[in-house]
């Protein structure tokens, strides 16, 4: 019996822990069809005959046949069970599987979107335990007990209803808490209705692109600047235009507005990332004025501005003047913890009315218990107390890192930034390649980021290291900087 012989090339496994015989039989028949050993149209033996040939029960054969028929490998009628004709060119059809296997990988590669070639891969994301990693908060200092109580309260209060979909724009309790906090801490002018809850700042940036631009539009992005913003723009088929930054943030001349007018302008005015510049009020007002004149929208990423280390907090551009064409983006990845994956987007009132219905189709109201817990965490004062503790901690850690650099970093360097946030920029001479130093540091448990990786078109002066101090204890800075200095010396050209 040909079919039985085909299946008995390797005995069915009847030992302990083996898959059920009907599953084994199904898999072997399916593989024989794929391989072409059972050609399209060939008849399978009756269930009784095959069961006798394989010394298994007829019910086992019947179950395997029924599964094959359910997935479309065979067809059954009064005349018996036959192998189905698969799609032309599929394995097992007319001996074409060799050509199909040879062509498939290349066809798959050319089928990917052209925009993927523009999104440059970054170095592997560092783990939370790696020292000097930018953007990583002090995870060990987070008040887990208070957060657990907030989650318990959210689960009890939300009940089974909170397991379903919620408002696509987010839980109103959290939107209200965010609007209240932003008004007091950041000078943002908004109502809770203007706040849209997102899965971190990255989704908020992608929403700005989808809501307010079309493929091919120009978008300005700070250079060097936040890589996630660049990816969001390129992922929306926008033409990203690198705009240099100086000590006052993004530089835009009249000729830029006339010659390469943007639809979107991405900027982080309160704490430019990674350079740390604060955009002056004069430059903010000029940017708003030009955006109004040219029909552009400004995406304000309020990166790390909650952790201001000297003087009063820098107010948001969004609240500087009435009706500013500014979309305000924020996240809780730094103020709470990264895996929370909650951020927000504050839409101008005029935009909200135009996009409310489309947003209802584009978003789904998820993570409801986490949103409700965060709302309580903010309303109860825990969030503000946590921010206060972290400001003091990060200020102490920054001072310790600066002192360690002064004592132990032998390479000529210049420290920039430090007004806000959890990182410092250390600029290096051109003969000290930042990529080589960063790669060598990874082998020693450190994860500084090379400055040149933040630039769309790196210039010779874009050479340095972005050193995070948020999740690194004070007592480790001296030995870490000593090791980093030795690595920098070894990498010098």
Protein backbone atom coordinates (compact mmCIF):
# COMPACT_ATOMS: atom_id res chain seq x y z
CA UNK A 1 0.00 0.00 0.00
CA UNK A 2 1.90 3.17 -1.18
CA UNK A 3 0.42 5.53 1.38
CA UNK A 4 1.04 3.16 4.25
CA UNK A 5 4.59 2.59 3.04
CA UNK A 6 5.12 6.35 2.88
CA UNK A 7 3.90 6.77 6.42
CA UNK A 8 5.85 3.79 7.76
CA UNK A 9 9.23 5.11 6.59
CA UNK A 10 9.50 6.16 10.22
CA UNK A 11 7.40 4.35 12.81
CA UNK A 12 4.73 6.29 14.65
CA UNK A 13 5.93 7.24 18.10
CA UNK A 14 3.86 5.41 20.70
CA UNK A 15 6.10 6.09 23.69
CA UNK A 16 5.33 8.13 26.83
CA UNK A 17 4.99 11.84 26.17
CA UNK A 18 4.57 11.38 22.43
CA UNK A 19 2.06 13.46 20.47
CA UNK A 20 -1.34 11.79 19.89
CA UNK A 21 -1.27 9.31 16.99
CA UNK A 22 -3.94 11.25 15.09
CA UNK A 23 -1.70 14.35 15.23
CA UNK A 24 1.34 12.39 14.04
CA UNK A 25 -0.68 10.86 11.19
CA UNK A 26 -2.02 14.27 10.14
CA UNK A 27 1.46 15.81 10.12
CA UNK A 28 2.93 13.00 8.01
CA UNK A 29 0.14 13.08 5.47
CA UNK A 30 0.40 16.86 5.24
CA UNK A 31 4.17 16.69 4.74
CA UNK A 32 3.76 14.04 2.05
CA UNK A 33 1.34 16.36 0.23
CA UNK A 34 3.75 19.28 0.52
CA UNK A 35 6.66 17.15 -0.70
CA UNK A 36 4.71 15.95 -3.73
CA UNK A 37 4.85 12.31 -2.66
CA UNK A 38 1.07 12.45 -2.57
CA UNK A 39 0.18 14.28 -5.77
CA UNK A 40 -2.95 16.34 -6.32
CA UNK A 41 -5.90 14.11 -7.20
CA UNK A 42 -4.39 10.93 -5.79
CA UNK A 43 -6.78 8.87 -3.67
CA UNK A 44 -6.09 8.07 -0.06
CA UNK A 45 -6.95 4.57 1.14
CA UNK A 46 -10.10 3.99 3.14
CA UNK A 47 -9.86 4.61 6.83
CA UNK A 48 -10.30 0.91 7.68
CA UNK A 49 -7.56 -0.23 5.28
CA UNK A 50 -5.07 2.43 6.41
CA UNK A 51 -5.79 1.66 10.06
CA UNK A 52 -5.01 -2.01 9.49
CA UNK A 53 -1.83 -1.17 7.57
CA UNK A 54 -0.56 1.05 10.37
CA UNK A 55 -1.93 -1.04 13.26
CA UNK A 56 -3.86 1.87 14.70
CA UNK A 57 -7.54 2.44 15.38
CA UNK A 58 -9.88 3.47 12.58
CA UNK A 59 -11.04 6.44 14.69
CA UNK A 60 -7.46 7.77 14.66
CA UNK A 61 -7.36 7.66 10.86
CA UNK A 62 -10.81 9.24 10.57
CA UNK A 63 -9.77 12.11 12.87
CA UNK A 64 -6.62 12.74 10.82
CA UNK A 65 -8.60 12.73 7.55
CA UNK A 66 -11.16 15.14 8.99
CA UNK A 67 -8.42 17.53 10.09
CA UNK A 68 -6.81 17.40 6.63
CA UNK A 69 -10.19 18.15 5.04
CA UNK A 70 -10.84 21.04 7.47
CA UNK A 71 -7.56 22.70 6.45
CA UNK A 72 -8.13 22.04 2.76
CA UNK A 73 -5.44 19.47 2.06
CA UNK A 74 -7.92 16.79 0.97
CA UNK A 75 -11.47 16.64 -0.33
CA UNK A 76 -13.94 13.89 0.50
CA UNK A 77 -17.01 12.75 -1.40
CA UNK A 78 -18.86 9.51 -2.22
CA UNK A 79 -15.86 8.25 -4.17
CA UNK A 80 -13.45 8.58 -1.25
CA UNK A 81 -10.76 10.97 -0.06
CA UNK A 82 -8.42 12.64 -2.57
CA UNK A 83 -5.54 15.08 -2.29
CA UNK A 84 -6.72 18.60 -3.10
CA UNK A 85 -5.17 20.69 -5.85
CA UNK A 86 -3.10 23.37 -4.13
CA UNK A 87 -2.47 26.84 -5.57
CA UNK A 88 -0.30 26.93 -8.68
CA UNK A 89 3.35 27.17 -7.72
CA UNK A 90 2.75 26.04 -4.13
CA UNK A 91 4.78 23.12 -2.78
CA UNK A 92 3.30 19.87 -4.00
CA UNK A 93 1.62 21.32 -7.12
CA UNK A 94 3.03 20.18 -10.47
CA UNK A 95 6.53 19.75 -9.05
CA UNK A 96 6.96 23.51 -8.74
CA UNK A 97 8.09 23.68 -5.17
CA UNK A 98 11.79 23.95 -6.02
CA UNK A 99 11.21 27.12 -8.04
CA UNK A 100 8.90 28.54 -5.38
CA UNK A 101 11.41 27.99 -2.58
CA UNK A 102 14.18 29.59 -4.66
CA UNK A 103 12.13 32.69 -5.50
CA UNK A 104 10.37 33.33 -2.19
CA UNK A 105 13.16 34.91 -0.11
CA UNK A 106 14.03 37.51 -2.77
CA UNK A 107 10.37 38.30 -3.43
CA UNK A 108 9.80 38.74 0.29
CA UNK A 109 12.73 41.17 0.56
CA UNK A 110 11.58 43.36 -2.31
CA UNK A 111 8.03 43.46 -0.95
CA UNK A 112 8.98 45.45 2.16
CA UNK A 113 8.11 49.14 2.30
CA UNK A 114 10.66 51.55 0.87
CA UNK A 115 10.47 53.65 4.04
CA UNK A 116 12.17 50.89 6.05
CA UNK A 117 15.48 51.69 4.34
CA UNK A 118 15.33 55.19 5.87
CA UNK A 119 14.88 53.96 9.45
CA UNK A 120 18.40 53.25 10.63
CA UNK A 121 18.84 50.52 13.24
CA UNK A 122 20.25 51.59 16.56
CA UNK A 123 22.62 49.65 18.77
CA UNK A 124 20.97 46.91 20.86
CA UNK A 125 18.83 48.48 23.56
CA UNK A 126 20.76 48.37 26.85
CA UNK A 127 19.33 46.47 29.78
CA UNK A 128 18.18 48.31 32.88
CA UNK A 129 21.26 47.10 34.80
CA UNK A 130 23.81 48.68 32.42
CA UNK A 131 25.48 51.76 33.83
CA UNK A 132 25.50 55.24 32.24
CA UNK A 133 22.51 54.41 30.02
CA UNK A 134 20.68 57.63 28.95
CA UNK A 135 16.96 57.84 29.60
CA UNK A 136 16.83 55.14 32.27
CA UNK A 137 15.25 56.34 35.53
CA UNK A 138 16.20 55.14 39.00
CA UNK A 139 14.06 52.01 38.92
CA UNK A 140 15.12 50.82 42.37
CA UNK A 141 13.78 54.05 43.88
CA UNK A 142 10.28 53.77 42.47
CA UNK A 143 7.59 53.44 45.19
CA UNK A 144 6.33 49.99 44.21
CA UNK A 145 4.18 49.59 47.32
CA UNK A 146 2.24 52.76 46.56
CA UNK A 147 1.87 51.75 42.92
CA UNK A 148 0.60 48.31 43.93
CA UNK A 149 -2.04 49.93 46.12
CA UNK A 150 -3.11 52.17 43.23
CA UNK A 151 -3.41 49.13 40.95
CA UNK A 152 -5.43 47.23 43.54
CA UNK A 153 -7.75 50.19 43.93
CA UNK A 154 -8.16 50.43 40.14
CA UNK A 155 -9.00 46.73 39.81
CA UNK A 156 -11.53 46.90 42.63
CA UNK A 157 -13.09 50.13 41.46
CA UNK A 158 -13.08 49.31 37.75
CA UNK A 159 -14.45 45.81 38.20
CA UNK A 160 -15.15 43.53 35.23
CA UNK A 161 -16.32 46.48 33.13
CA UNK A 162 -12.75 47.82 32.94
CA UNK A 163 -11.67 44.60 31.21
CA UNK A 164 -13.49 45.74 28.08
CA UNK A 165 -12.62 48.53 25.68
CA UNK A 166 -12.77 52.05 27.04
CA UNK A 167 -12.87 55.52 25.56
CA UNK A 168 -10.50 55.48 22.55
CA UNK A 169 -8.98 58.75 23.72
CA UNK A 170 -8.28 57.33 27.18
CA UNK A 171 -9.83 57.18 30.64
CA UNK A 172 -11.31 60.56 31.54
CA UNK A 173 -9.97 60.28 35.10
CA UNK A 174 -6.40 60.14 33.80
CA UNK A 175 -6.95 62.83 31.16
CA UNK A 176 -8.31 65.12 33.88
CA UNK A 177 -5.35 64.40 36.19
CA UNK A 178 -2.87 65.08 33.36
CA UNK A 179 -4.55 68.36 32.35
CA UNK A 180 -4.50 69.51 35.99
CA UNK A 181 -0.82 68.58 36.43
CA UNK A 182 0.27 70.19 33.16
CA UNK A 183 -1.49 73.45 33.99
CA UNK A 184 0.35 73.75 37.32
CA UNK A 185 3.75 72.23 36.49
CA UNK A 186 4.23 73.08 32.81
CA UNK A 187 1.96 76.04 32.04
CA UNK A 188 0.06 74.04 29.41
CA UNK A 189 -3.36 75.43 28.47
CA UNK A 190 -5.80 72.60 27.81
CA UNK A 191 -8.97 70.90 28.93
CA UNK A 192 -9.16 67.18 29.70
CA UNK A 193 -10.98 66.70 26.37
CA UNK A 194 -7.85 67.81 24.50
CA UNK A 195 -5.68 65.12 26.13
CA UNK A 196 -5.29 61.85 24.22
CA UNK A 197 -3.73 58.90 26.07
CA UNK A 198 -1.17 57.02 23.97
CA UNK A 199 1.21 54.10 24.30
CA UNK A 200 4.18 56.26 25.17
CA UNK A 201 5.59 59.29 23.38
CA UNK A 202 6.37 57.26 20.28
CA UNK A 203 2.70 56.57 19.53
CA UNK A 204 1.91 60.22 20.23
CA UNK A 205 4.50 61.28 17.63
CA UNK A 206 3.12 58.78 15.12
CA UNK A 207 -0.38 60.16 15.73
CA UNK A 208 0.80 63.70 14.96
CA UNK A 209 2.18 62.46 11.65
CA UNK A 210 -0.96 60.54 10.72
CA UNK A 211 -3.35 63.30 11.72
CA UNK A 212 -1.67 66.37 10.24
CA UNK A 213 0.54 65.40 7.31
CA UNK A 214 0.50 63.57 4.00
CA UNK A 215 3.18 61.39 2.40
CA UNK A 216 5.89 63.50 0.85
CA UNK A 217 5.42 66.50 3.16
CA UNK A 218 8.52 68.09 4.64
CA UNK A 219 9.14 67.78 8.37
CA UNK A 220 11.90 69.52 10.30
CA UNK A 221 13.69 67.52 12.95
CA UNK A 222 16.42 68.60 15.36
CA UNK A 223 19.90 67.41 14.37
CA UNK A 224 21.41 65.89 16.45
CA UNK A 225 18.09 64.95 18.00
CA UNK A 226 15.76 62.29 19.29
CA UNK A 227 15.93 59.24 17.02
CA UNK A 228 12.35 58.22 17.78
CA UNK A 229 11.03 61.46 16.26
CA UNK A 230 13.01 60.84 13.10
CA UNK A 231 11.65 57.31 12.84
CA UNK A 232 8.06 58.51 13.36
CA UNK A 233 8.42 61.04 10.54
CA UNK A 234 10.08 58.62 8.15
CA UNK A 235 7.57 55.92 9.04
CA UNK A 236 4.85 58.30 7.83
CA UNK A 237 6.59 58.80 4.47
CA UNK A 238 7.59 62.35 5.31
CA UNK A 239 10.81 63.91 4.08
CA UNK A 240 12.82 64.55 7.24
CA UNK A 241 14.87 67.76 7.01
CA UNK A 242 17.71 67.93 9.58
CA UNK A 243 17.83 71.30 11.37
CA UNK A 244 20.94 72.08 13.35
CA UNK A 245 20.75 73.05 17.02
CA UNK A 246 22.87 75.48 19.01
CA UNK A 247 22.91 76.69 22.60
CA UNK A 248 19.36 78.05 22.15
CA UNK A 249 17.87 74.98 20.43
CA UNK A 250 16.64 74.54 16.87
CA UNK A 251 18.00 77.07 14.37
CA UNK A 252 15.56 78.18 11.64
CA UNK A 253 16.31 81.09 9.31
CA UNK A 254 13.92 82.99 7.06
CA UNK A 255 15.50 81.24 4.07
CA UNK A 256 14.60 77.85 5.59
CA UNK A 257 10.94 78.80 5.79
CA UNK A 258 10.97 80.12 2.24
CA UNK A 259 13.01 77.36 0.60
CA UNK A 260 11.93 74.23 2.44
CA UNK A 261 8.64 75.01 4.11
CA UNK A 262 7.69 72.28 6.59
CA UNK A 263 4.33 70.79 7.41
CA UNK A 264 5.60 69.61 10.81
CA UNK A 265 8.38 70.91 13.06
CA UNK A 266 9.65 68.60 15.79
CA UNK A 267 11.42 70.29 18.69
CA UNK A 268 12.18 69.73 22.38
CA UNK A 269 12.43 73.37 23.56
CA UNK A 270 12.52 72.92 27.33
CA UNK A 271 15.36 70.39 27.24
CA UNK A 272 16.78 69.56 23.82
CA UNK A 273 17.77 65.93 23.50
CA UNK A 274 20.59 65.04 23.60
CA UNK A 275 22.35 68.42 23.76
CA UNK A 276 20.40 69.84 26.69
CA UNK A 277 19.80 73.32 25.23
CA UNK A 278 16.87 75.44 26.39
CA UNK A 279 15.16 77.35 23.57
CA UNK A 280 15.02 81.07 24.31
CA UNK A 281 11.66 82.83 24.51
CA UNK A 282 12.54 84.98 21.49
CA UNK A 283 13.23 81.90 19.39
CA UNK A 284 10.06 80.19 20.63
CA UNK A 285 7.90 83.15 19.68
CA UNK A 286 9.58 83.42 16.28
CA UNK A 287 8.98 79.72 15.63
CA UNK A 288 5.31 80.03 16.56
CA UNK A 289 4.89 83.11 14.38
CA UNK A 290 6.51 81.51 11.34
CA UNK A 291 4.53 78.31 11.80
CA UNK A 292 1.31 80.33 11.75
CA UNK A 293 2.36 82.20 8.63
CA UNK A 294 3.28 79.05 6.71
CA UNK A 295 0.54 76.71 7.91
CA UNK A 296 2.93 74.45 9.84
CA UNK A 297 2.39 72.55 13.07
CA UNK A 298 4.94 72.38 15.88
CA UNK A 299 5.35 69.11 17.79
CA UNK A 300 6.65 70.02 21.24
CA UNK A 301 8.28 67.06 22.95
CA UNK A 302 8.59 67.99 26.63
CA UNK A 303 11.52 65.65 27.18
CA UNK A 304 12.76 65.30 30.76
CA UNK A 305 11.60 68.81 31.67
CA UNK A 306 10.03 67.57 34.93
CA UNK A 307 13.54 67.16 36.35
CA UNK A 308 14.77 70.76 36.41
CA UNK A 309 17.95 70.99 38.51
CA UNK A 310 18.43 74.73 38.88
CA UNK A 311 16.04 77.66 38.91
CA UNK A 312 12.35 77.60 38.17
CA UNK A 313 10.87 75.06 35.71
CA UNK A 314 10.90 76.16 32.07
CA UNK A 315 7.33 76.64 30.88
CA UNK A 316 6.00 74.81 27.84
CA UNK A 317 5.88 76.50 24.44
CA UNK A 318 2.28 75.31 24.08
CA UNK A 319 1.06 77.76 26.73
CA UNK A 320 3.17 80.71 25.66
CA UNK A 321 0.51 82.41 23.49
CA UNK A 322 -3.18 81.85 22.80
CA UNK A 323 -3.99 79.45 20.00
CA UNK A 324 -0.38 78.42 19.34
CA UNK A 325 -0.12 75.81 16.54
CA UNK A 326 1.54 73.40 18.95
CA UNK A 327 0.87 69.72 19.66
CA UNK A 328 2.29 68.86 23.07
CA UNK A 329 3.74 65.37 23.62
CA UNK A 330 4.65 63.80 26.96
CA UNK A 331 5.36 60.42 28.48
CA UNK A 332 5.51 58.70 31.86
CA UNK A 333 8.46 56.49 30.85
CA UNK A 334 10.92 58.74 32.69
CA UNK A 335 8.76 60.09 35.50
CA UNK A 336 7.33 56.64 36.34
CA UNK A 337 8.99 53.66 34.61
CA UNK A 338 9.55 52.66 30.96
CA UNK A 339 7.43 49.50 30.81
CA UNK A 340 4.32 51.42 31.87
CA UNK A 341 4.01 52.49 28.19
CA UNK A 342 1.69 55.40 28.83
CA UNK A 343 2.08 58.80 27.24
CA UNK A 344 -0.18 61.58 26.07
CA UNK A 345 -0.79 64.07 23.30
CA UNK A 346 -2.42 67.46 23.89
CA UNK A 347 -4.25 68.56 20.74
CA UNK A 348 -5.17 72.15 19.92
CA UNK A 349 -8.90 72.66 20.35
CA UNK A 350 -9.40 73.35 16.63
CA UNK A 351 -7.63 70.12 15.69
CA UNK A 352 -9.58 68.08 18.22
CA UNK A 353 -12.92 68.88 16.59
CA UNK A 354 -11.60 67.81 13.18
CA UNK A 355 -10.01 64.53 14.30
CA UNK A 356 -12.28 63.32 17.10
CA UNK A 357 -14.26 60.90 14.93
CA UNK A 358 -11.23 59.49 13.04
CA UNK A 359 -9.41 59.01 16.36
CA UNK A 360 -12.31 56.85 17.52
CA UNK A 361 -11.54 54.49 14.64
CA UNK A 362 -7.76 54.68 14.89
CA UNK A 363 -7.42 54.01 18.62
CA UNK A 364 -8.72 51.43 21.08
CA UNK A 365 -9.22 52.17 24.75
CA UNK A 366 -6.85 49.71 26.44
CA UNK A 367 -4.71 49.43 29.59
CA UNK A 368 -7.68 50.72 31.52
CA UNK A 369 -6.61 49.48 34.94
CA UNK A 370 -3.13 51.01 34.50
CA UNK A 371 -4.71 54.30 33.41
CA UNK A 372 -7.06 54.34 36.39
CA UNK A 373 -4.20 53.48 38.74
CA UNK A 374 -2.07 56.29 37.35
CA UNK A 375 -4.96 58.74 37.73
CA UNK A 376 -5.23 57.83 41.43
CA UNK A 377 -1.44 57.94 41.80
CA UNK A 378 -1.48 61.52 40.52
CA UNK A 379 -4.60 62.67 42.38
CA UNK A 380 -3.35 61.28 45.69
CA UNK A 381 -0.14 63.30 45.55
CA UNK A 382 2.12 60.26 45.15
CA UNK A 383 3.23 61.37 41.70
CA UNK A 384 4.31 64.85 42.83
CA UNK A 385 6.13 63.42 45.86
CA UNK A 386 7.92 60.90 43.66
CA UNK A 387 8.99 63.66 41.25
CA UNK A 388 10.37 65.69 44.14
CA UNK A 389 12.41 62.76 45.44
CA UNK A 390 13.77 62.00 41.97
CA UNK A 391 14.76 65.63 41.34
CA UNK A 392 16.88 65.58 44.48
CA UNK A 393 18.36 62.17 43.64
CA UNK A 394 19.20 63.06 40.04
CA UNK A 395 20.74 66.36 41.11
CA UNK A 396 23.00 64.47 43.51
CA UNK A 397 23.93 61.88 40.88
CA UNK A 398 24.68 64.51 38.26
CA UNK A 399 27.01 66.35 40.63
CA UNK A 400 28.79 63.08 41.40
CA UNK A 401 29.19 62.28 37.70
CA UNK A 402 30.58 65.74 36.96
CA UNK A 403 33.08 65.39 39.80
CA UNK A 404 34.15 61.94 38.56
CA UNK A 405 34.67 63.30 35.04
CA UNK A 406 36.79 66.15 36.41
CA UNK A 407 38.91 63.74 38.45
CA UNK A 408 39.33 60.76 36.14
CA UNK A 409 38.47 61.49 32.50
CA UNK A 410 41.89 62.29 31.03
CA UNK A 411 40.73 62.88 27.44
CA UNK A 412 40.11 66.52 26.42
CA UNK A 413 36.37 67.03 26.73
CA UNK A 414 33.58 69.55 27.24
CA UNK A 415 30.47 68.89 29.34
CA UNK A 416 27.18 70.30 28.06
CA UNK A 417 23.61 70.19 29.32
CA UNK A 418 22.60 69.23 32.79
CA UNK A 419 19.92 71.85 33.40
CA UNK A 420 17.29 69.10 33.30
CA UNK A 421 16.90 65.40 32.99
CA UNK A 422 19.07 62.38 33.59
CA UNK A 423 22.06 62.71 31.25
CA UNK A 424 25.09 64.80 30.38
CA UNK A 425 26.69 65.33 26.98
CA UNK A 426 30.48 64.98 26.90
CA UNK A 427 31.93 66.32 23.65
CA UNK A 428 35.19 64.72 22.52
CA UNK A 429 37.95 65.54 20.01
CA UNK A 430 37.43 64.24 16.49
CA UNK A 431 40.24 61.69 16.89
CA UNK A 432 38.27 59.94 19.66
CA UNK A 433 35.55 58.07 17.67
CA UNK A 434 32.45 57.97 19.86
CA UNK A 435 31.05 54.80 18.25
CA UNK A 436 34.23 52.86 19.02
CA UNK A 437 34.26 54.04 22.63
CA UNK A 438 30.56 53.21 23.13
CA UNK A 439 31.00 49.73 21.64
CA UNK A 440 33.99 49.04 23.85
CA UNK A 441 32.11 50.28 26.92
CA UNK A 442 29.33 47.74 26.36
CA UNK A 443 31.80 44.93 27.00
CA UNK A 444 32.37 46.44 30.44
CA UNK A 445 28.72 46.82 31.49
CA UNK A 446 28.34 50.46 30.43
CA UNK A 447 25.91 51.83 27.85
CA UNK A 448 26.80 55.44 26.93
CA UNK A 449 25.32 56.55 23.61
CA UNK A 450 27.50 58.03 20.85
CA UNK A 451 26.45 61.57 19.96
CA UNK A 452 26.98 60.95 16.23
CA UNK A 453 24.19 58.34 16.28
CA UNK A 454 21.66 61.10 17.04
CA UNK A 455 22.48 63.07 13.87
CA UNK A 456 20.74 62.47 10.56
CA UNK A 457 23.82 63.82 8.77
CA UNK A 458 26.67 63.77 11.34
CA UNK A 459 29.22 66.57 11.20
CA UNK A 460 32.76 66.35 12.61
CA UNK A 461 31.67 68.23 15.73
CA UNK A 462 28.94 65.64 16.40
CA UNK A 463 31.37 63.48 18.34
CA UNK A 464 30.87 62.71 22.00
CA UNK A 465 29.18 60.54 24.58
CA UNK A 466 25.73 60.89 26.12
CA UNK A 467 26.11 59.66 29.69
CA UNK A 468 23.03 58.74 31.70
CA UNK A 469 23.14 58.99 35.46
CA UNK A 470 19.51 58.26 36.38
CA UNK A 471 19.88 54.56 37.16
CA UNK A 472 23.53 54.53 38.29
CA UNK A 473 24.37 54.83 42.02
CA UNK A 474 26.73 57.59 43.14
CA UNK A 475 29.41 55.22 44.45
CA UNK A 476 29.94 53.69 41.00
CA UNK A 477 30.82 56.86 39.08
CA UNK A 478 34.52 56.99 40.01
CA UNK A 479 35.39 53.44 38.86
CA UNK A 480 33.10 53.71 35.83
CA UNK A 481 34.65 56.97 34.61
CA UNK A 482 38.15 55.62 35.23
CA UNK A 483 37.37 52.63 33.02
CA UNK A 484 35.69 54.83 30.41
CA UNK A 485 38.76 57.08 30.28
CA UNK A 486 41.03 54.10 29.63
CA UNK A 487 38.72 52.87 26.86
CA UNK A 488 38.63 56.30 25.25
CA UNK A 489 42.41 56.44 25.26
CA UNK A 490 42.65 52.98 23.67
CA UNK A 491 40.20 53.98 20.92
CA UNK A 492 41.95 57.25 20.07
CA UNK A 493 43.16 57.37 16.46
